[in-house]
Protein backbone atom coordinates (compact mmCIF):
# COMPACT_ATOMS: atom_id res chain seq x y z
CA MET A 1 2.53 -16.88 17.25
CA THR A 2 4.23 -20.07 16.09
CA ASP A 3 5.48 -20.98 12.64
CA PHE A 4 2.23 -22.82 11.94
CA ASP A 5 -0.27 -20.17 13.09
CA GLN A 6 -0.94 -22.19 16.25
CA HIS A 7 -2.99 -20.94 19.17
CA PHE A 8 -3.76 -23.65 21.73
CA LEU A 9 -7.24 -23.64 23.25
CA ILE A 10 -7.28 -23.88 27.06
CA ASP A 11 -11.01 -23.53 27.81
CA SER A 12 -12.86 -26.83 28.28
CA LYS A 13 -16.27 -25.11 27.98
CA VAL A 14 -15.46 -24.07 24.41
CA VAL A 15 -14.43 -27.67 23.61
CA GLN A 16 -17.70 -29.01 24.97
CA THR A 17 -19.68 -26.44 22.99
CA SER A 18 -18.11 -27.67 19.73
CA ILE A 19 -18.81 -31.28 20.63
CA LYS A 20 -22.44 -30.56 21.47
CA ALA A 21 -22.96 -28.59 18.24
CA ALA A 22 -21.61 -31.50 16.14
CA GLN A 23 -24.28 -33.85 17.55
CA LEU A 24 -21.83 -36.73 17.64
CA SER A 25 -22.72 -40.41 17.73
CA SER A 26 -20.83 -43.68 18.14
CA LYS A 27 -21.06 -44.22 14.37
CA ASP A 28 -19.34 -40.97 13.39
CA ILE A 29 -15.86 -40.71 11.92
CA VAL A 30 -14.64 -37.20 12.66
CA LEU A 31 -11.81 -35.30 11.03
CA GLU A 32 -9.90 -32.90 13.24
CA ILE A 33 -7.46 -30.47 11.65
CA GLY A 34 -4.68 -29.20 13.87
CA PRO A 35 -5.11 -31.22 17.08
CA GLY A 36 -2.25 -29.29 18.70
CA LYS A 37 -1.84 -30.77 22.17
CA GLY A 38 -4.88 -33.02 21.82
CA VAL A 39 -7.34 -31.20 24.09
CA LEU A 40 -10.24 -31.44 21.64
CA THR A 41 -9.00 -34.77 20.22
CA ARG A 42 -9.32 -36.63 23.50
CA GLU A 43 -12.83 -35.33 24.11
CA LEU A 44 -13.97 -36.18 20.57
CA ALA A 45 -12.69 -39.74 20.98
CA LYS A 46 -15.11 -40.31 23.88
CA HIS A 47 -18.14 -39.78 21.64
CA VAL A 48 -17.34 -41.23 18.19
CA HIS A 49 -16.26 -44.39 16.42
CA LYS A 50 -13.03 -42.82 15.17
CA VAL A 51 -11.13 -39.54 15.08
CA ILE A 52 -8.73 -38.77 12.23
CA ALA A 53 -6.42 -36.01 13.46
CA ILE A 54 -4.11 -34.26 11.00
CA GLU A 55 -1.24 -32.25 12.49
CA ILE A 56 1.35 -30.38 10.46
CA ASP A 57 3.80 -29.75 13.31
CA GLU A 58 5.91 -32.84 14.02
CA HIS A 59 7.32 -31.14 17.12
CA LEU A 60 4.00 -32.06 18.77
CA LYS A 61 4.57 -35.83 18.48
CA LYS A 62 5.44 -36.07 22.14
CA GLU A 63 2.30 -34.15 23.18
CA LEU A 64 0.17 -36.47 21.02
CA ALA A 65 1.90 -39.74 21.89
CA CYS A 66 -0.79 -41.12 24.21
CA LEU A 67 -4.05 -40.50 22.39
CA PRO A 68 -7.01 -42.92 22.73
CA LYS A 69 -6.94 -46.04 20.56
CA ASN A 70 -9.74 -44.81 18.30
CA VAL A 71 -7.63 -41.85 17.15
CA GLU A 72 -5.67 -42.10 13.91
CA LEU A 73 -2.93 -39.46 13.96
CA LEU A 74 -1.51 -38.26 10.66
CA PHE A 75 1.32 -35.78 10.27
CA GLY A 76 1.16 -33.62 7.17
CA ASN A 77 -0.57 -30.70 5.49
CA ALA A 78 -4.35 -31.13 5.78
CA LEU A 79 -4.93 -29.06 2.63
CA GLU A 80 -2.88 -31.58 0.66
CA LEU A 81 -4.43 -34.66 2.28
CA ILE A 82 -8.10 -33.60 2.07
CA THR A 83 -9.25 -34.34 -1.46
CA PRO A 84 -12.15 -36.31 -2.96
CA LEU A 85 -9.54 -38.49 -4.64
CA ASN A 86 -8.00 -39.55 -1.32
CA THR A 87 -10.24 -42.54 -0.67
CA ASP A 88 -8.13 -43.55 2.36
CA LEU A 89 -9.37 -40.48 4.22
CA LYS A 90 -13.03 -41.22 4.98
CA PHE A 91 -15.03 -39.15 7.47
CA ASN A 92 -18.56 -37.79 7.79
CA LYS A 93 -17.98 -34.80 10.07
CA ILE A 94 -15.29 -32.20 10.72
CA VAL A 95 -14.76 -30.73 14.18
CA ALA A 96 -11.70 -28.53 14.52
CA ASN A 97 -10.10 -25.40 15.88
CA ILE A 98 -8.44 -24.60 12.59
CA PRO A 99 -5.42 -22.38 12.00
CA TYR A 100 -6.88 -19.04 10.89
CA SER A 101 -4.60 -18.90 7.85
CA ILE A 102 -6.22 -21.96 6.22
CA SER A 103 -9.88 -20.92 6.70
CA GLU A 104 -10.47 -19.87 3.11
CA PRO A 105 -8.58 -22.71 1.35
CA LEU A 106 -10.24 -25.24 3.68
CA LEU A 107 -13.69 -23.91 2.78
CA LYS A 108 -12.81 -24.33 -0.89
CA LYS A 109 -11.93 -27.96 -0.18
CA MET A 110 -15.17 -28.51 1.69
CA LEU A 111 -17.28 -27.45 -1.29
CA LYS A 112 -16.35 -30.76 -2.92
CA LEU A 113 -16.79 -32.99 0.13
CA LYS A 114 -19.89 -34.96 1.10
CA ILE A 115 -20.08 -34.55 4.85
CA ASP A 116 -22.91 -34.28 7.36
CA CYS A 117 -21.60 -31.15 9.01
CA ALA A 118 -18.53 -29.19 10.06
CA VAL A 119 -18.11 -27.39 13.38
CA LEU A 120 -15.18 -25.02 13.08
CA LEU A 121 -13.60 -22.50 15.41
CA VAL A 122 -12.49 -19.68 13.11
CA SER A 123 -11.47 -16.05 13.41
CA LYS A 124 -14.35 -13.62 13.85
CA SER A 125 -13.25 -11.79 10.70
CA PHE A 126 -13.60 -14.97 8.62
CA TYR A 127 -17.04 -15.71 10.04
CA TYR A 128 -18.21 -12.22 9.11
CA LEU A 129 -16.72 -12.66 5.65
CA LEU A 130 -19.31 -15.41 5.17
CA SER A 131 -22.01 -13.03 6.39
CA ASP A 132 -21.01 -10.01 4.29
CA LYS A 133 -23.27 -9.80 1.23
CA GLU A 134 -20.52 -7.93 -0.62
CA SER A 135 -18.16 -10.88 -0.23
CA LYS A 136 -18.08 -13.62 -2.85
CA TRP A 137 -17.51 -16.14 -0.04
CA SER A 138 -20.87 -15.23 1.45
CA HIS A 139 -22.56 -16.04 -1.86
CA ILE A 140 -20.53 -19.21 -2.41
CA SER A 141 -21.10 -20.60 1.09
CA SER A 142 -24.87 -19.98 0.87
CA LEU A 143 -25.09 -22.16 -2.26
CA PHE A 144 -23.54 -25.12 -0.49
CA PHE A 145 -24.19 -24.73 3.23
CA GLU A 146 -26.43 -23.44 5.94
CA VAL A 147 -24.13 -21.38 8.17
CA GLU A 148 -24.95 -21.10 11.86
CA LYS A 149 -23.13 -19.10 14.50
CA ILE A 150 -22.76 -21.19 17.66
CA LEU A 151 -20.62 -19.13 20.03
CA ASP A 152 -18.41 -16.05 20.28
CA VAL A 153 -15.01 -17.04 21.69
CA SER A 154 -12.62 -14.59 23.34
CA LYS A 155 -8.97 -14.51 22.30
CA ASP A 156 -8.16 -14.83 26.03
CA VAL A 157 -8.86 -18.59 26.00
CA PHE A 158 -5.86 -19.35 23.77
CA VAL A 159 -2.13 -19.66 24.39
CA PRO A 160 -0.47 -17.84 22.76
CA LYS A 161 -3.23 -15.27 22.46
CA PRO A 162 -4.28 -14.50 18.84
CA LYS A 163 -4.86 -10.94 17.66
CA THR A 164 -8.58 -11.42 17.14
CA ASP A 165 -11.57 -13.04 18.81
CA SER A 166 -13.07 -16.19 17.34
CA VAL A 167 -16.39 -17.78 16.50
CA ILE A 168 -17.56 -21.38 16.57
CA MET A 169 -19.68 -21.88 13.45
CA LYS A 170 -21.54 -24.88 12.11
CA LEU A 171 -21.87 -25.68 8.42
CA THR A 172 -24.49 -28.17 7.26
CA LEU A 173 -25.32 -29.07 3.69
CA ARG A 174 -27.95 -26.76 2.21
CA LYS A 175 -31.40 -28.35 2.19
CA LYS A 176 -33.28 -25.63 0.34
CA SER A 177 -33.61 -26.42 -3.37
CA LEU A 178 -31.56 -24.41 -5.86
CA SER A 179 -33.00 -22.33 -8.67
CA SER A 180 -31.78 -22.97 -12.20
CA SER A 181 -29.38 -20.01 -12.08
CA GLU A 182 -28.08 -21.15 -8.68
CA GLN A 183 -27.42 -24.62 -10.08
CA LEU A 184 -25.45 -23.04 -12.93
CA LEU A 185 -23.46 -20.88 -10.54
CA LYS A 186 -22.72 -23.82 -8.25
CA ASP A 187 -21.50 -25.89 -11.19
CA VAL A 188 -19.20 -23.04 -12.28
CA ILE A 189 -17.78 -22.64 -8.76
CA LEU A 190 -16.95 -26.34 -8.58
CA GLN A 191 -14.81 -25.84 -11.69
CA ASP A 192 -12.67 -23.26 -9.92
CA ASP A 193 -9.45 -24.22 -11.73
CA LYS A 194 -10.94 -23.56 -15.20
CA LEU A 195 -11.26 -20.36 -17.22
CA LEU A 196 -14.71 -18.88 -16.70
CA LYS A 197 -15.72 -19.36 -20.35
CA ASN A 198 -14.89 -23.07 -20.24
CA ALA A 199 -16.63 -23.55 -16.89
CA LEU A 200 -19.75 -21.85 -18.22
CA ILE A 201 -19.82 -24.01 -21.36
CA LEU A 202 -19.70 -27.20 -19.31
CA ALA A 203 -22.23 -25.90 -16.77
CA LEU A 204 -24.69 -24.97 -19.51
CA PHE A 205 -24.27 -28.42 -21.02
CA ARG A 206 -24.86 -30.18 -17.69
CA ILE A 207 -27.60 -27.97 -16.27
CA LYS A 208 -29.36 -26.68 -19.39
CA SER A 209 -28.52 -29.54 -21.79
CA LEU A 210 -27.21 -27.04 -24.35
CA THR A 211 -24.83 -28.00 -27.13
CA LYS A 212 -21.39 -26.40 -27.16
CA LYS A 213 -22.50 -24.07 -29.97
CA GLN A 214 -25.66 -23.05 -28.09
CA ALA A 215 -23.69 -22.51 -24.88
CA LYS A 216 -21.19 -20.25 -26.65
CA GLN A 217 -24.05 -18.17 -28.04
CA VAL A 218 -25.58 -17.76 -24.58
CA ILE A 219 -22.19 -16.82 -23.11
CA GLU A 220 -21.61 -14.25 -25.85
CA GLU A 221 -24.92 -12.59 -24.98
CA LEU A 222 -23.87 -12.30 -21.34
CA ASN A 223 -21.30 -9.66 -22.36
CA LEU A 224 -18.77 -10.63 -19.70
CA GLY A 225 -15.82 -9.44 -21.78
CA SER A 226 -12.36 -10.13 -20.39
CA LEU A 227 -13.80 -11.94 -17.34
CA LEU A 228 -14.30 -14.98 -19.53
CA ASP A 229 -10.53 -15.43 -19.76
CA LYS A 230 -10.04 -15.37 -15.99
CA ARG A 231 -9.85 -18.47 -13.81
CA VAL A 232 -12.97 -18.89 -11.72
CA ASP A 233 -11.04 -18.85 -8.44
CA HIS A 234 -9.21 -15.65 -9.44
CA LEU A 235 -12.34 -13.51 -9.73
CA SER A 236 -12.45 -10.54 -7.36
CA ASN A 237 -15.54 -9.76 -5.28
CA LEU A 238 -16.70 -7.22 -7.86
CA GLN A 239 -16.05 -9.54 -10.81
CA PHE A 240 -17.77 -12.40 -9.03
CA SER A 241 -20.82 -10.23 -8.35
CA ARG A 242 -20.98 -9.28 -12.02
CA MET A 243 -20.85 -12.94 -13.03
CA VAL A 244 -23.64 -13.79 -10.56
CA GLU A 245 -25.81 -11.00 -11.96
CA LYS A 246 -25.28 -12.14 -15.56
CA ILE A 247 -25.92 -15.82 -14.80
CA GLY A 248 -29.12 -14.80 -13.06
CA ASN A 249 -30.39 -13.42 -16.38
CA ILE A 250 -30.02 -16.74 -18.21
CA ASN A 251 -33.44 -18.22 -19.03
């Protein structure tokens, strides 16, 4: 393993599977995270208007020196560059073989993006985290996305070989309408840097049109105790499940 959790894909069939799943067109602007040696990058460039490739490892400059003209190569940390406030970074799809270590923080970023879809090659353990009903990430992802498994990928198609097999998954924005309690929960999740009590107050104002006083009364009746003083993104699976259950009881 390298310093940047890099495992370079060497199977062209896997690359083509990702491209097909993304349903690319000549109008698309695609973000690729971790182009590595440019295997996926060069194939993406054949199908889209533009590829924005973000690579953290500057030692790969030589490998990426001769990319197609419709590729914009950026060196830096994708998690720092991808933000709704970065208006210079505009794209409508993500296609990437992402470093396994950034799977969870990247998904958190994606909750606040308006994209058509994302086709990601991730570790099998992360994919099943999104499928495990006991995991808060399963609940969170289902509020925002439709998650589809595209292909199981063996660890043998990477150099160096990772410790686990992988999965290509596709995320598309959820089309099914949200219930009132789901809208509340989604609003709370998007305020992940706030204390739960403050996130709930604002969510009740926006979704239920309650005054601050009315919202506080509703929150008091939820009996969430010390959870209210925790940051939303610091809730454990068990604490998150308790919050979901209580929000579901709000009329």
